Amino acid sequence: MTRYFTEEHEWIEVEGDTATIGITDYAQGQLGDLVFAEVPKPGTSLAKGGDAAVVESVKAASDVYSPVTGTVTEGNPAIEEDPALINSDAEGEGWFFKLTIADPAELDGLMDEAAYKEYVAGLD
């Protein structure tokens, strides 16, 4: 599996034409204690860079964007029931949704882990 990152702090893990998407550990740290999460329903069509999910913390509400165009195959009900799961495991069990990738070429503009770490280091 290959993992990519966006400048909006989403991660996308790709296996074949299926992708799992969530927010990065950096993003959850910036948001603080999460109190609400809403994930897209299966069958939802998402456009690259478009709104895909919502997350709210005690500090702010934030949109989660889709890193690629595709059709949602699964939302993560665990984070809707327990949004704190995103705080404890943002880049694992705290994933938001899975989708079928429409255009694999869209992955080309995303960062690998080393580039993302460098990007985040420049933000502080």
PDB file of N, CA and C in Angstrom:
ATOM      1  N   MET A   1       0.836  -1.185   0.000  1.00  0.00           N
ATOM      2  CA  MET A   1       0.000   0.000   0.000  1.00  0.00           C
ATOM      3  C   MET A   1       0.883   1.252   0.000  1.00  0.00           C
ATOM      4  N   THR A   2       0.447   2.232  -0.733  1.00  0.00           N
ATOM      5  CA  THR A   2       1.170   3.488  -0.819  1.00  0.00           C
ATOM      6  C   THR A   2       0.355   4.574  -0.145  1.00  0.00           C
ATOM      7  N   ARG A   3       1.015   5.404   0.647  1.00  0.00           N
ATOM      8  CA  ARG A   3       0.332   6.481   1.361  1.00  0.00           C
ATOM      9  C   ARG A   3       0.811   7.828   0.827  1.00  0.00           C
ATOM     10  N   TYR A   4      -0.170   8.715   0.585  1.00  0.00           N
ATOM     11  CA  TYR A   4       0.091  10.069   0.118  1.00  0.00           C
ATOM     12  C   TYR A   4      -0.545  11.065   1.079  1.00  0.00           C
ATOM     13  N   PHE A   5      -0.150  12.344   0.946  1.00  0.00           N
ATOM     14  CA  PHE A   5      -0.666  13.399   1.822  1.00  0.00           C
ATOM     15  C   PHE A   5      -1.007  14.635   1.008  1.00  0.00           C
ATOM     16  N   THR A   6      -1.957  15.441   1.528  1.00  0.00           N
ATOM     17  CA  THR A   6      -2.344  16.686   0.872  1.00  0.00           C
ATOM     18  C   THR A   6      -1.912  17.880   1.717  1.00  0.00           C
ATOM     19  N   GLU A   7      -1.896  19.051   1.110  1.00  0.00           N
ATOM     20  CA  GLU A   7      -1.589  20.278   1.848  1.00  0.00           C
ATOM     21  C   GLU A   7      -2.702  20.635   2.822  1.00  0.00           C
ATOM     22  N   GLU A   8      -3.881  20.034   2.651  1.00  0.00           N
ATOM     23  CA  GLU A   8      -5.004  20.268   3.575  1.00  0.00           C
ATOM     24  C   GLU A   8      -4.983  19.265   4.729  1.00  0.00           C
ATOM     25  N   HIS A   9      -3.930  18.461   4.800  1.00  0.00           N
ATOM     26  CA  HIS A   9      -3.688  17.525   5.907  1.00  0.00           C
ATOM     27  C   HIS A   9      -4.597  16.296   5.891  1.00  0.00           C
ATOM     28  N   GLU A  10      -4.930  15.828   4.695  1.00  0.00           N
ATOM     29  CA  GLU A  10      -5.558  14.518   4.569  1.00  0.00           C
ATOM     30  C   GLU A  10      -4.481  13.515   4.163  1.00  0.00           C
ATOM     31  N   TRP A  11      -4.680  12.274   4.561  1.00  0.00           N
ATOM     32  CA  TRP A  11      -3.829  11.189   4.072  1.00  0.00           C
ATOM     33  C   TRP A  11      -4.708  10.268   3.229  1.00  0.00           C
ATOM     34  N   ILE A  12      -4.093   9.617   2.280  1.00  0.00           N
ATOM     35  CA  ILE A  12      -4.801   8.670   1.415  1.00  0.00           C
ATOM     36  C   ILE A  12      -3.898   7.459   1.230  1.00  0.00           C
ATOM     37  N   GLU A  13      -4.420   6.302   1.555  1.00  0.00           N
ATOM     38  CA  GLU A  13      -3.658   5.064   1.409  1.00  0.00           C
ATOM     39  C   GLU A  13      -4.281   4.283   0.258  1.00  0.00           C
ATOM     40  N   VAL A  14      -3.461   3.942  -0.716  1.00  0.00           N
ATOM     41  CA  VAL A  14      -3.956   3.358  -1.958  1.00  0.00           C
ATOM     42  C   VAL A  14      -3.543   1.900  -2.076  1.00  0.00           C
ATOM     43  N   GLU A  15      -4.521   1.066  -2.415  1.00  0.00           N
ATOM     44  CA  GLU A  15      -4.267  -0.346  -2.711  1.00  0.00           C
ATOM     45  C   GLU A  15      -5.101  -0.683  -3.940  1.00  0.00           C
ATOM     46  N   GLY A  16      -4.422  -0.858  -5.079  1.00  0.00           N
ATOM     47  CA  GLY A  16      -5.130  -1.072  -6.343  1.00  0.00           C
ATOM     48  C   GLY A  16      -5.895   0.194  -6.706  1.00  0.00           C
ATOM     49  N   ASP A  17      -7.216   0.060  -6.935  1.00  0.00           N
ATOM     50  CA  ASP A  17      -8.019   1.237  -7.253  1.00  0.00           C
ATOM     51  C   ASP A  17      -8.876   1.680  -6.062  1.00  0.00           C
ATOM     52  N   THR A  18      -8.544   1.161  -4.879  1.00  0.00           N
ATOM     53  CA  THR A  18      -9.268   1.519  -3.656  1.00  0.00           C
ATOM     54  C   THR A  18      -8.388   2.393  -2.775  1.00  0.00           C
ATOM     55  N   ALA A  19      -9.012   3.414  -2.186  1.00  0.00           N
ATOM     56  CA  ALA A  19      -8.272   4.327  -1.311  1.00  0.00           C
ATOM     57  C   ALA A  19      -8.996   4.477   0.021  1.00  0.00           C
ATOM     58  N   THR A  20      -8.223   4.560   1.096  1.00  0.00           N
ATOM     59  CA  THR A  20      -8.737   4.879   2.427  1.00  0.00           C
ATOM     60  C   THR A  20      -8.229   6.272   2.754  1.00  0.00           C
ATOM     61  N   ILE A  21      -9.137   7.126   3.268  1.00  0.00           N
ATOM     62  CA  ILE A  21      -8.806   8.531   3.488  1.00  0.00           C
ATOM     63  C   ILE A  21      -9.121   8.942   4.918  1.00  0.00           C
ATOM     64  N   GLY A  22      -8.234   9.764   5.487  1.00  0.00           N
ATOM     65  CA  GLY A  22      -8.451  10.314   6.824  1.00  0.00           C
ATOM     66  C   GLY A  22      -7.682  11.614   6.964  1.00  0.00           C
ATOM     67  N   ILE A  23      -7.690  12.158   8.178  1.00  0.00           N
ATOM     68  CA  ILE A  23      -6.898  13.363   8.431  1.00  0.00           C
ATOM     69  C   ILE A  23      -5.611  12.958   9.145  1.00  0.00           C
ATOM     70  N   THR A  24      -4.598  13.774   8.985  1.00  0.00           N
ATOM     71  CA  THR A  24      -3.293  13.449   9.557  1.00  0.00           C
ATOM     72  C   THR A  24      -3.264  13.699  11.067  1.00  0.00           C
ATOM     73  N   ASP A  25      -2.256  13.125  11.682  1.00  0.00           N
ATOM     74  CA  ASP A  25      -2.053  13.341  13.104  1.00  0.00           C
ATOM     75  C   ASP A  25      -1.838  14.831  13.385  1.00  0.00           C
ATOM     76  N   TYR A  26      -1.139  15.508  12.474  1.00  0.00           N
ATOM     77  CA  TYR A  26      -0.925  16.954  12.614  1.00  0.00           C
ATOM     78  C   TYR A  26      -2.277  17.680  12.647  1.00  0.00           C
ATOM     79  N   ALA A  27      -3.187  17.318  11.736  1.00  0.00           N
ATOM     80  CA  ALA A  27      -4.496  17.981  11.661  1.00  0.00           C
ATOM     81  C   ALA A  27      -5.302  17.777  12.936  1.00  0.00           C
ATOM     82  N   GLN A  28      -5.343  16.541  13.435  1.00  0.00           N
ATOM     83  CA  GLN A  28      -6.129  16.313  14.651  1.00  0.00           C
ATOM     84  C   GLN A  28      -5.523  17.057  15.832  1.00  0.00           C
ATOM     85  N   GLY A  29      -4.198  17.192  15.846  1.00  0.00           N
ATOM     86  CA  GLY A  29      -3.538  17.944  16.912  1.00  0.00           C
ATOM     87  C   GLY A  29      -3.896  19.421  16.871  1.00  0.00           C
ATOM     88  N   GLN A  30      -4.035  19.967  15.655  1.00  0.00           N
ATOM     89  CA  GLN A  30      -4.412  21.367  15.499  1.00  0.00           C
ATOM     90  C   GLN A  30      -5.873  21.595  15.895  1.00  0.00           C
ATOM     91  N   LEU A  31      -6.724  20.613  15.614  1.00  0.00           N
ATOM     92  CA  LEU A  31      -8.150  20.749  15.923  1.00  0.00           C
ATOM     93  C   LEU A  31      -8.436  20.613  17.417  1.00  0.00           C
ATOM     94  N   GLY A  32      -7.688  19.778  18.103  1.00  0.00           N
ATOM     95  CA  GLY A  32      -7.935  19.536  19.522  1.00  0.00           C
ATOM     96  C   GLY A  32      -8.926  18.399  19.706  1.00  0.00           C
ATOM     97  N   ASP A  33      -9.582  18.363  20.859  1.00  0.00           N
ATOM     98  CA  ASP A  33     -10.491  17.259  21.191  1.00  0.00           C
ATOM     99  C   ASP A  33     -11.697  17.263  20.259  1.00  0.00           C
ATOM    100  N   LEU A  34     -11.843  16.167  19.508  1.00  0.00           N
ATOM    101  CA  LEU A  34     -12.935  16.073  18.544  1.00  0.00           C
ATOM    102  C   LEU A  34     -14.222  15.596  19.207  1.00  0.00           C
ATOM    103  N   VAL A  35     -15.330  16.241  18.841  1.00  0.00           N
ATOM    104  CA  VAL A  35     -16.615  15.937  19.469  1.00  0.00           C
ATOM    105  C   VAL A  35     -17.672  15.465  18.472  1.00  0.00           C
ATOM    106  N   PHE A  36     -17.386  15.592  17.156  1.00  0.00           N
ATOM    107  CA  PHE A  36     -18.360  15.211  16.140  1.00  0.00           C
ATOM    108  C   PHE A  36     -17.640  14.889  14.840  1.00  0.00           C
ATOM    109  N   ALA A  37     -18.117  13.865  14.156  1.00  0.00           N
ATOM    110  CA  ALA A  37     -17.610  13.535  12.826  1.00  0.00           C
ATOM    111  C   ALA A  37     -18.766  13.034  11.981  1.00  0.00           C
ATOM    112  N   GLU A  38     -18.779  13.447  10.724  1.00  0.00           N
ATOM    113  CA  GLU A  38     -19.786  12.981   9.773  1.00  0.00           C
ATOM    114  C   GLU A  38     -19.051  12.523   8.525  1.00  0.00           C
ATOM    115  N   VAL A  39     -19.341  11.294   8.104  1.00  0.00           N
ATOM    116  CA  VAL A  39     -18.650  10.715   6.951  1.00  0.00           C
ATOM    117  C   VAL A  39     -19.634  10.563   5.787  1.00  0.00           C
ATOM    118  N   PRO A  40     -19.117  10.510   4.557  1.00  0.00           N
ATOM    119  CA  PRO A  40     -20.009  10.362   3.407  1.00  0.00           C
ATOM    120  C   PRO A  40     -20.612   8.961   3.333  1.00  0.00           C
ATOM    121  N   LYS A  41     -21.795   8.893   2.729  1.00  0.00           N
ATOM    122  CA  LYS A  41     -22.501   7.612   2.570  1.00  0.00           C
ATOM    123  C   LYS A  41     -21.966   6.856   1.355  1.00  0.00           C
ATOM    124  N   PRO A  42     -22.006   5.518   1.393  1.00  0.00           N
ATOM    125  CA  PRO A  42     -21.607   4.732   0.224  1.00  0.00           C
ATOM    126  C   PRO A  42     -22.415   5.160  -1.006  1.00  0.00           C
ATOM    127  N   GLY A  43     -21.737   5.208  -2.146  1.00  0.00           N
ATOM    128  CA  GLY A  43     -22.385   5.613  -3.382  1.00  0.00           C
ATOM    129  C   GLY A  43     -22.231   7.093  -3.694  1.00  0.00           C
ATOM    130  N   THR A  44     -21.755   7.873  -2.719  1.00  0.00           N
ATOM    131  CA  THR A  44     -21.545   9.306  -2.927  1.00  0.00           C
ATOM    132  C   THR A  44     -20.373   9.523  -3.886  1.00  0.00           C
ATOM    133  N   SER A  45     -20.586  10.365  -4.888  1.00  0.00           N
ATOM    134  CA  SER A  45     -19.502  10.729  -5.814  1.00  0.00           C
ATOM    135  C   SER A  45     -18.785  11.951  -5.270  1.00  0.00           C
ATOM    136  N   LEU A  46     -17.478  11.878  -5.209  1.00  0.00           N
ATOM    137  CA  LEU A  46     -16.665  12.988  -4.707  1.00  0.00           C
ATOM    138  C   LEU A  46     -15.700  13.463  -5.784  1.00  0.00           C
ATOM    139  N   ALA A  47     -15.494  14.768  -5.817  1.00  0.00           N
ATOM    140  CA  ALA A  47     -14.533  15.350  -6.748  1.00  0.00           C
ATOM    141  C   ALA A  47     -13.253  15.679  -5.992  1.00  0.00           C
ATOM    142  N   LYS A  48     -12.123  15.581  -6.679  1.00  0.00           N
ATOM    143  CA  LYS A  48     -10.835  15.927  -6.066  1.00  0.00           C
ATOM    144  C   LYS A  48     -10.915  17.348  -5.512  1.00  0.00           C
ATOM    145  N   GLY A  49     -10.576  17.512  -4.231  1.00  0.00           N
ATOM    146  CA  GLY A  49     -10.594  18.816  -3.586  1.00  0.00           C
ATOM    147  C   GLY A  49     -11.957  19.233  -3.069  1.00  0.00           C
ATOM    148  N   GLY A  50     -12.984  18.420  -3.324  1.00  0.00           N
ATOM    149  CA  GLY A  50     -14.334  18.751  -2.871  1.00  0.00           C
ATOM    150  C   GLY A  50     -14.591  18.308  -1.441  1.00  0.00           C
ATOM    151  N   ASP A  51     -15.597  18.918  -0.811  1.00  0.00           N
ATOM    152  CA  ASP A  51     -15.988  18.542   0.548  1.00  0.00           C
ATOM    153  C   ASP A  51     -16.409  17.076   0.578  1.00  0.00           C
ATOM    154  N   ALA A  52     -15.903  16.348   1.566  1.00  0.00           N
ATOM    155  CA  ALA A  52     -16.227  14.930   1.675  1.00  0.00           C
ATOM    156  C   ALA A  52     -16.815  14.576   3.034  1.00  0.00           C
ATOM    157  N   ALA A  53     -16.313  15.195   4.092  1.00  0.00           N
ATOM    158  CA  ALA A  53     -16.740  14.865   5.455  1.00  0.00           C
ATOM    159  C   ALA A  53     -16.601  16.113   6.320  1.00  0.00           C
ATOM    160  N   VAL A  54     -17.124  16.014   7.539  1.00  0.00           N
ATOM    161  CA  VAL A  54     -17.055  17.133   8.486  1.00  0.00           C
ATOM    162  C   VAL A  54     -16.531  16.604   9.805  1.00  0.00           C
ATOM    163  N   VAL A  55     -15.705  17.417  10.459  1.00  0.00           N
ATOM    164  CA  VAL A  55     -15.223  17.079  11.788  1.00  0.00           C
ATOM    165  C   VAL A  55     -15.312  18.346  12.638  1.00  0.00           C
ATOM    166  N   GLU A  56     -15.755  18.179  13.880  1.00  0.00           N
ATOM    167  CA  GLU A  56     -15.858  19.321  14.788  1.00  0.00           C
ATOM    168  C   GLU A  56     -15.114  19.014  16.068  1.00  0.00           C
ATOM    169  N   SER A  57     -14.434  20.055  16.556  1.00  0.00           N
ATOM    170  CA  SER A  57     -13.729  19.940  17.832  1.00  0.00           C
ATOM    171  C   SER A  57     -14.305  20.974  18.778  1.00  0.00           C
ATOM    172  N   VAL A  58     -13.771  21.010  19.983  1.00  0.00           N
ATOM    173  CA  VAL A  58     -14.203  22.027  20.937  1.00  0.00           C
ATOM    174  C   VAL A  58     -13.781  23.410  20.450  1.00  0.00           C
ATOM    175  N   LYS A  59     -12.801  23.474  19.519  1.00  0.00           N
ATOM    176  CA  LYS A  59     -12.301  24.751  19.003  1.00  0.00           C
ATOM    177  C   LYS A  59     -12.989  25.200  17.716  1.00  0.00           C
ATOM    178  N   ALA A  60     -13.249  24.258  16.782  1.00  0.00           N
ATOM    179  CA  ALA A  60     -13.715  24.657  15.462  1.00  0.00           C
ATOM    180  C   ALA A  60     -14.320  23.486  14.696  1.00  0.00           C
ATOM    181  N   ALA A  61     -15.066  23.836  13.653  1.00  0.00           N
ATOM    182  CA  ALA A  61     -15.557  22.832  12.702  1.00  0.00           C
ATOM    183  C   ALA A  61     -14.675  22.916  11.466  1.00  0.00           C
ATOM    184  N   SER A  62     -14.464  21.790  10.816  1.00  0.00           N
ATOM    185  CA  SER A  62     -13.589  21.773   9.651  1.00  0.00           C
ATOM    186  C   SER A  62     -14.102  20.762   8.635  1.00  0.00           C
ATOM    187  N   ASP A  63     -13.936  21.095   7.364  1.00  0.00           N
ATOM    188  CA  ASP A  63     -14.272  20.147   6.305  1.00  0.00           C
ATOM    189  C   ASP A  63     -13.086  19.235   6.051  1.00  0.00           C
ATOM    190  N   VAL A  64     -13.397  18.028   5.626  1.00  0.00           N
ATOM    191  CA  VAL A  64     -12.386  17.086   5.168  1.00  0.00           C
ATOM    192  C   VAL A  64     -12.609  16.959   3.668  1.00  0.00           C
ATOM    193  N   TYR A  65     -11.551  17.122   2.892  1.00  0.00           N
ATOM    194  CA  TYR A  65     -11.660  17.131   1.436  1.00  0.00           C
ATOM    195  C   TYR A  65     -11.205  15.796   0.852  1.00  0.00           C
ATOM    196  N   SER A  66     -11.740  15.483  -0.313  1.00  0.00           N
ATOM    197  CA  SER A  66     -11.325  14.265  -0.997  1.00  0.00           C
ATOM    198  C   SER A  66     -10.055  14.533  -1.790  1.00  0.00           C
ATOM    199  N   PRO A  67      -8.988  13.769  -1.544  1.00  0.00           N
ATOM    200  CA  PRO A  67      -7.723  13.983  -2.269  1.00  0.00           C
ATOM    201  C   PRO A  67      -7.801  13.599  -3.749  1.00  0.00           C
ATOM    202  N   VAL A  68      -8.785  12.767  -4.103  1.00  0.00           N
ATOM    203  CA  VAL A  68      -8.959  12.311  -5.489  1.00  0.00           C
ATOM    204  C   VAL A  68     -10.448  12.210  -5.800  1.00  0.00           C
ATOM    205  N   THR A  69     -10.755  12.116  -7.079  1.00  0.00           N
ATOM    206  CA  THR A  69     -12.125  11.901  -7.533  1.00  0.00           C
ATOM    207  C   THR A  69     -12.446  10.415  -7.405  1.00  0.00           C
ATOM    208  N   GLY A  70     -13.674  10.121  -6.950  1.00  0.00           N
ATOM    209  CA  GLY A  70     -14.072   8.723  -6.848  1.00  0.00           C
ATOM    210  C   GLY A  70     -15.441   8.556  -6.238  1.00  0.00           C
ATOM    211  N   THR A  71     -15.827   7.295  -6.048  1.00  0.00           N
ATOM    212  CA  THR A  71     -17.125   6.948  -5.475  1.00  0.00           C
ATOM    213  C   THR A  71     -16.904   6.265  -4.131  1.00  0.00           C
ATOM    214  N   VAL A  72     -17.564   6.780  -3.104  1.00  0.00           N
ATOM    215  CA  VAL A  72     -17.428   6.244  -1.757  1.00  0.00           C
ATOM    216  C   VAL A  72     -17.966   4.818  -1.704  1.00  0.00           C
ATOM    217  N   THR A  73     -17.167   3.913  -1.129  1.00  0.00           N
ATOM    218  CA  THR A  73     -17.603   2.532  -0.941  1.00  0.00           C
ATOM    219  C   THR A  73     -17.962   2.244   0.513  1.00  0.00           C
ATOM    220  N   GLU A  74     -17.402   3.067   1.425  1.00  0.00           N
ATOM    221  CA  GLU A  74     -17.630   2.807   2.853  1.00  0.00           C
ATOM    222  C   GLU A  74     -17.275   4.049   3.671  1.00  0.00           C
ATOM    223  N   GLY A  75     -18.131   4.380   4.634  1.00  0.00           N
ATOM    224  CA  GLY A  75     -17.800   5.391   5.630  1.00  0.00           C
ATOM    225  C   GLY A  75     -17.428   4.661   6.915  1.00  0.00           C
ATOM    226  N   ASN A  76     -16.709   5.318   7.803  1.00  0.00           N
ATOM    227  CA  ASN A  76     -16.290   4.680   9.052  1.00  0.00           C
ATOM    228  C   ASN A  76     -17.275   5.028  10.169  1.00  0.00           C
ATOM    229  N   PRO A  77     -18.207   4.110  10.482  1.00  0.00           N
ATOM    230  CA  PRO A  77     -19.192   4.414  11.525  1.00  0.00           C
ATOM    231  C   PRO A  77     -18.566   4.568  12.912  1.00  0.00           C
ATOM    232  N   ALA A  78     -17.395   3.985  13.126  1.00  0.00           N
ATOM    233  CA  ALA A  78     -16.751   4.046  14.442  1.00  0.00           C
ATOM    234  C   ALA A  78     -16.431   5.485  14.847  1.00  0.00           C
ATOM    235  N   ILE A  79     -16.031   6.336  13.879  1.00  0.00           N
ATOM    236  CA  ILE A  79     -15.683   7.715  14.246  1.00  0.00           C
ATOM    237  C   ILE A  79     -16.923   8.581  14.434  1.00  0.00           C
ATOM    238  N   GLU A  80     -18.053   8.184  13.824  1.00  0.00           N
ATOM    239  CA  GLU A  80     -19.292   8.922  14.079  1.00  0.00           C
ATOM    240  C   GLU A  80     -19.783   8.620  15.501  1.00  0.00           C
ATOM    241  N   GLU A  81     -19.602   7.375  15.926  1.00  0.00           N
ATOM    242  CA  GLU A  81     -20.009   6.973  17.277  1.00  0.00           C
ATOM    243  C   GLU A  81     -19.040   7.500  18.339  1.00  0.00           C
ATOM    244  N   ASP A  82     -17.750   7.546  18.005  1.00  0.00           N
ATOM    245  CA  ASP A  82     -16.718   7.959  18.960  1.00  0.00           C
ATOM    246  C   ASP A  82     -15.660   8.814  18.256  1.00  0.00           C
ATOM    247  N   PRO A  83     -15.935  10.128  18.054  1.00  0.00           N
ATOM    248  CA  PRO A  83     -14.989  10.994  17.344  1.00  0.00           C
ATOM    249  C   PRO A  83     -13.601  11.052  17.985  1.00  0.00           C
ATOM    250  N   ALA A  84     -13.498  10.757  19.272  1.00  0.00           N
ATOM    251  CA  ALA A  84     -12.197  10.776  19.953  1.00  0.00           C
ATOM    252  C   ALA A  84     -11.242   9.733  19.364  1.00  0.00           C
ATOM    253  N   LEU A  85     -11.785   8.749  18.650  1.00  0.00           N
ATOM    254  CA  LEU A  85     -10.948   7.747  17.987  1.00  0.00           C
ATOM    255  C   LEU A  85     -10.004   8.420  16.990  1.00  0.00           C
ATOM    256  N   ILE A  86     -10.444   9.539  16.401  1.00  0.00           N
ATOM    257  CA  ILE A  86      -9.584  10.277  15.471  1.00  0.00           C
ATOM    258  C   ILE A  86      -8.398  10.871  16.230  1.00  0.00           C
ATOM    259  N   ASN A  87      -8.651  11.386  17.440  1.00  0.00           N
ATOM    260  CA  ASN A  87      -7.557  11.938  18.248  1.00  0.00           C
ATOM    261  C   ASN A  87      -6.552  10.861  18.630  1.00  0.00           C
ATOM    262  N   SER A  88      -7.032   9.675  18.961  1.00  0.00           N
ATOM    263  CA  SER A  88      -6.131   8.631  19.453  1.00  0.00           C
ATOM    264  C   SER A  88      -5.438   7.857  18.332  1.00  0.00           C
ATOM    265  N   ASP A  89      -6.032   7.804  17.119  1.00  0.00           N
ATOM    266  CA  ASP A  89      -5.435   7.014  16.038  1.00  0.00           C
ATOM    267  C   ASP A  89      -5.834   7.594  14.677  1.00  0.00           C
ATOM    268  N   ALA A  90      -5.478   8.868  14.450  1.00  0.00           N
ATOM    269  CA  ALA A  90      -5.895   9.586  13.233  1.00  0.00           C
ATOM    270  C   ALA A  90      -5.456   8.890  11.945  1.00  0.00           C
ATOM    271  N   GLU A  91      -4.285   8.296  11.959  1.00  0.00           N
ATOM    272  CA  GLU A  91      -3.765   7.703  10.732  1.00  0.00           C
ATOM    273  C   GLU A  91      -3.908   6.182  10.719  1.00  0.00           C
ATOM    274  N   GLY A  92      -4.863   5.682  11.512  1.00  0.00           N
ATOM    275  CA  GLY A  92      -5.137   4.244  11.555  1.00  0.00           C
ATOM    276  C   GLY A  92      -6.636   4.013  11.637  1.00  0.00           C
ATOM    277  N   GLU A  93      -7.105   3.582  12.824  1.00  0.00           N
ATOM    278  CA  GLU A  93      -8.526   3.267  13.016  1.00  0.00           C
ATOM    279  C   GLU A  93      -9.441   4.487  12.903  1.00  0.00           C
ATOM    280  N   GLY A  94      -8.862   5.694  12.920  1.00  0.00           N
ATOM    281  CA  GLY A  94      -9.646   6.915  12.808  1.00  0.00           C
ATOM    282  C   GLY A  94      -9.869   7.376  11.378  1.00  0.00           C
ATOM    283  N   TRP A  95      -9.756   6.474  10.397  1.00  0.00           N
ATOM    284  CA  TRP A  95      -9.994   6.817   8.986  1.00  0.00           C
ATOM    285  C   TRP A  95     -11.438   7.276   8.795  1.00  0.00           C
ATOM    286  N   PHE A  96     -11.679   8.061   7.742  1.00  0.00           N
ATOM    287  CA  PHE A  96     -13.007   8.624   7.485  1.00  0.00           C
ATOM    288  C   PHE A  96     -13.829   7.829   6.473  1.00  0.00           C
ATOM    289  N   PHE A  97     -13.233   7.545   5.304  1.00  0.00           N
ATOM    290  CA  PHE A  97     -13.998   6.843   4.267  1.00  0.00           C
ATOM    291  C   PHE A  97     -13.064   6.142   3.295  1.00  0.00           C
ATOM    292  N   LYS A  98     -13.667   5.216   2.538  1.00  0.00           N
ATOM    293  CA  LYS A  98     -12.957   4.511   1.475  1.00  0.00           C
ATOM    294  C   LYS A  98     -13.678   4.816   0.173  1.00  0.00           C
ATOM    295  N   LEU A  99     -12.908   4.870  -0.902  1.00  0.00           N
ATOM    296  CA  LEU A  99     -13.533   5.105  -2.198  1.00  0.00           C
ATOM    297  C   LEU A  99     -12.807   4.363  -3.306  1.00  0.00           C
ATOM    298  N   THR A 100     -13.502   4.225  -4.442  1.00  0.00           N
ATOM    299  CA  THR A 100     -12.902   3.687  -5.652  1.00  0.00           C
ATOM    300  C   THR A 100     -12.368   4.872  -6.444  1.00  0.00           C
ATOM    301  N   ILE A 101     -11.091   4.843  -6.771  1.00  0.00           N
ATOM    302  CA  ILE A 101     -10.438   5.954  -7.463  1.00  0.00           C
ATOM    303  C   ILE A 101     -10.862   5.986  -8.928  1.00  0.00           C
ATOM    304  N   ALA A 102     -11.339   7.156  -9.378  1.00  0.00           N
ATOM    305  CA  ALA A 102     -11.773   7.311 -10.769  1.00  0.00           C
ATOM    306  C   ALA A 102     -10.587   7.551 -11.711  1.00  0.00           C
ATOM    307  N   ASP A 103      -9.588   8.320 -11.259  1.00  0.00           N
ATOM    308  CA  ASP A 103      -8.458   8.687 -12.113  1.00  0.00           C
ATOM    309  C   ASP A 103      -7.158   8.596 -11.316  1.00  0.00           C
ATOM    310  N   PRO A 104      -6.446   7.466 -11.433  1.00  0.00           N
ATOM    311  CA  PRO A 104      -5.202   7.295 -10.672  1.00  0.00           C
ATOM    312  C   PRO A 104      -4.161   8.382 -10.930  1.00  0.00           C
ATOM    313  N   ALA A 105      -4.232   9.072 -12.062  1.00  0.00           N
ATOM    314  CA  ALA A 105      -3.272  10.138 -12.368  1.00  0.00           C
ATOM    315  C   ALA A 105      -3.380  11.284 -11.367  1.00  0.00           C
ATOM    316  N   GLU A 106      -4.536  11.422 -10.693  1.00  0.00           N
ATOM    317  CA  GLU A 106      -4.696  12.481  -9.693  1.00  0.00           C
ATOM    318  C   GLU A 106      -3.767  12.292  -8.496  1.00  0.00           C
ATOM    319  N   LEU A 107      -3.265  11.092  -8.296  1.00  0.00           N
ATOM    320  CA  LEU A 107      -2.348  10.827  -7.188  1.00  0.00           C
ATOM    321  C   LEU A 107      -0.997  11.512  -7.403  1.00  0.00           C
ATOM    322  N   ASP A 108      -0.679  11.821  -8.647  1.00  0.00           N
ATOM    323  CA  ASP A 108       0.630  12.384  -8.986  1.00  0.00           C
ATOM    324  C   ASP A 108       0.923  13.714  -8.294  1.00  0.00           C
ATOM    325  N   GLY A 109      -0.102  14.497  -7.996  1.00  0.00           N
ATOM    326  CA  GLY A 109       0.110  15.800  -7.375  1.00  0.00           C
ATOM    327  C   GLY A 109       0.204  15.769  -5.860  1.00  0.00           C
ATOM    328  N   LEU A 110       0.128  14.590  -5.263  1.00  0.00           N
ATOM    329  CA  LEU A 110       0.137  14.482  -3.800  1.00  0.00           C
ATOM    330  C   LEU A 110       1.551  14.250  -3.278  1.00  0.00           C
ATOM    331  N   MET A 111       1.754  14.523  -1.995  1.00  0.00           N
ATOM    332  CA  MET A 111       3.074  14.377  -1.368  1.00  0.00           C
ATOM    333  C   MET A 111       3.259  12.978  -0.784  1.00  0.00           C
ATOM    334  N   ASP A 112       4.515  12.521  -0.778  1.00  0.00           N
ATOM    335  CA  ASP A 112       4.824  11.302  -0.034  1.00  0.00           C
ATOM    336  C   ASP A 112       5.089  11.708   1.426  1.00  0.00           C
ATOM    337  N   GLU A 113       5.355  10.742   2.280  1.00  0.00           N
ATOM    338  CA  GLU A 113       5.492  11.035   3.707  1.00  0.00           C
ATOM    339  C   GLU A 113       6.641  11.999   3.996  1.00  0.00           C
ATOM    340  N   ALA A 114       7.773  11.830   3.344  1.00  0.00           N
ATOM    341  CA  ALA A 114       8.928  12.705   3.577  1.00  0.00           C
ATOM    342  C   ALA A 114       8.600  14.144   3.184  1.00  0.00           C
ATOM    343  N   ALA A 115       7.958  14.323   2.046  1.00  0.00           N
ATOM    344  CA  ALA A 115       7.596  15.671   1.587  1.00  0.00           C
ATOM    345  C   ALA A 115       6.567  16.302   2.523  1.00  0.00           C
ATOM    346  N   TYR A 116       5.636  15.488   3.017  1.00  0.00           N
ATOM    347  CA  TYR A 116       4.621  16.013   3.940  1.00  0.00           C
ATOM    348  C   TYR A 116       5.265  16.455   5.258  1.00  0.00           C
ATOM    349  N   LYS A 117       6.180  15.661   5.790  1.00  0.00           N
ATOM    350  CA  LYS A 117       6.857  16.028   7.032  1.00  0.00           C
ATOM    351  C   LYS A 117       7.613  17.326   6.861  1.00  0.00           C
ATOM    352  N   GLU A 118       8.247  17.503   5.719  1.00  0.00           N
ATOM    353  CA  GLU A 118       8.966  18.746   5.424  1.00  0.00           C
ATOM    354  C   GLU A 118       7.983  19.917   5.326  1.00  0.00           C
ATOM    355  N   TYR A 119       6.844  19.674   4.684  1.00  0.00           N
ATOM    356  CA  TYR A 119       5.801  20.698   4.551  1.00  0.00           C
ATOM    357  C   TYR A 119       5.299  21.152   5.928  1.00  0.00           C
ATOM    358  N   VAL A 120       4.988  20.192   6.792  1.00  0.00           N
ATOM    359  CA  VAL A 120       4.483  20.498   8.137  1.00  0.00           C
ATOM    360  C   VAL A 120       5.538  21.231   8.966  1.00  0.00           C
ATOM    361  N   ALA A 121       6.801  20.832   8.827  1.00  0.00           N
ATOM    362  CA  ALA A 121       7.877  21.487   9.575  1.00  0.00           C
ATOM    363  C   ALA A 121       7.962  22.968   9.210  1.00  0.00           C
ATOM    364  N   GLY A 122       7.611  23.300   7.992  1.00  0.00           N
ATOM    365  CA  GLY A 122       7.643  24.685   7.560  1.00  0.00           C
ATOM    366  C   GLY A 122       6.460  25.510   8.045  1.00  0.00           C
ATOM    367  N   LEU A 123       5.473  24.871   8.639  1.00  0.00           N
ATOM    368  CA  LEU A 123       4.272  25.572   9.108  1.00  0.00           C
ATOM    369  C   LEU A 123       4.438  26.137  10.520  1.00  0.00           C
ATOM    370  N   ASP A 124       5.319  25.545  11.298  1.00  0.00           N
ATOM    371  CA  ASP A 124       5.447  25.939  12.712  1.00  0.00           C
ATOM    372  C   ASP A 124       6.345  27.127  12.926  1.00  0.00           C
TER     373      ASP A 124
END
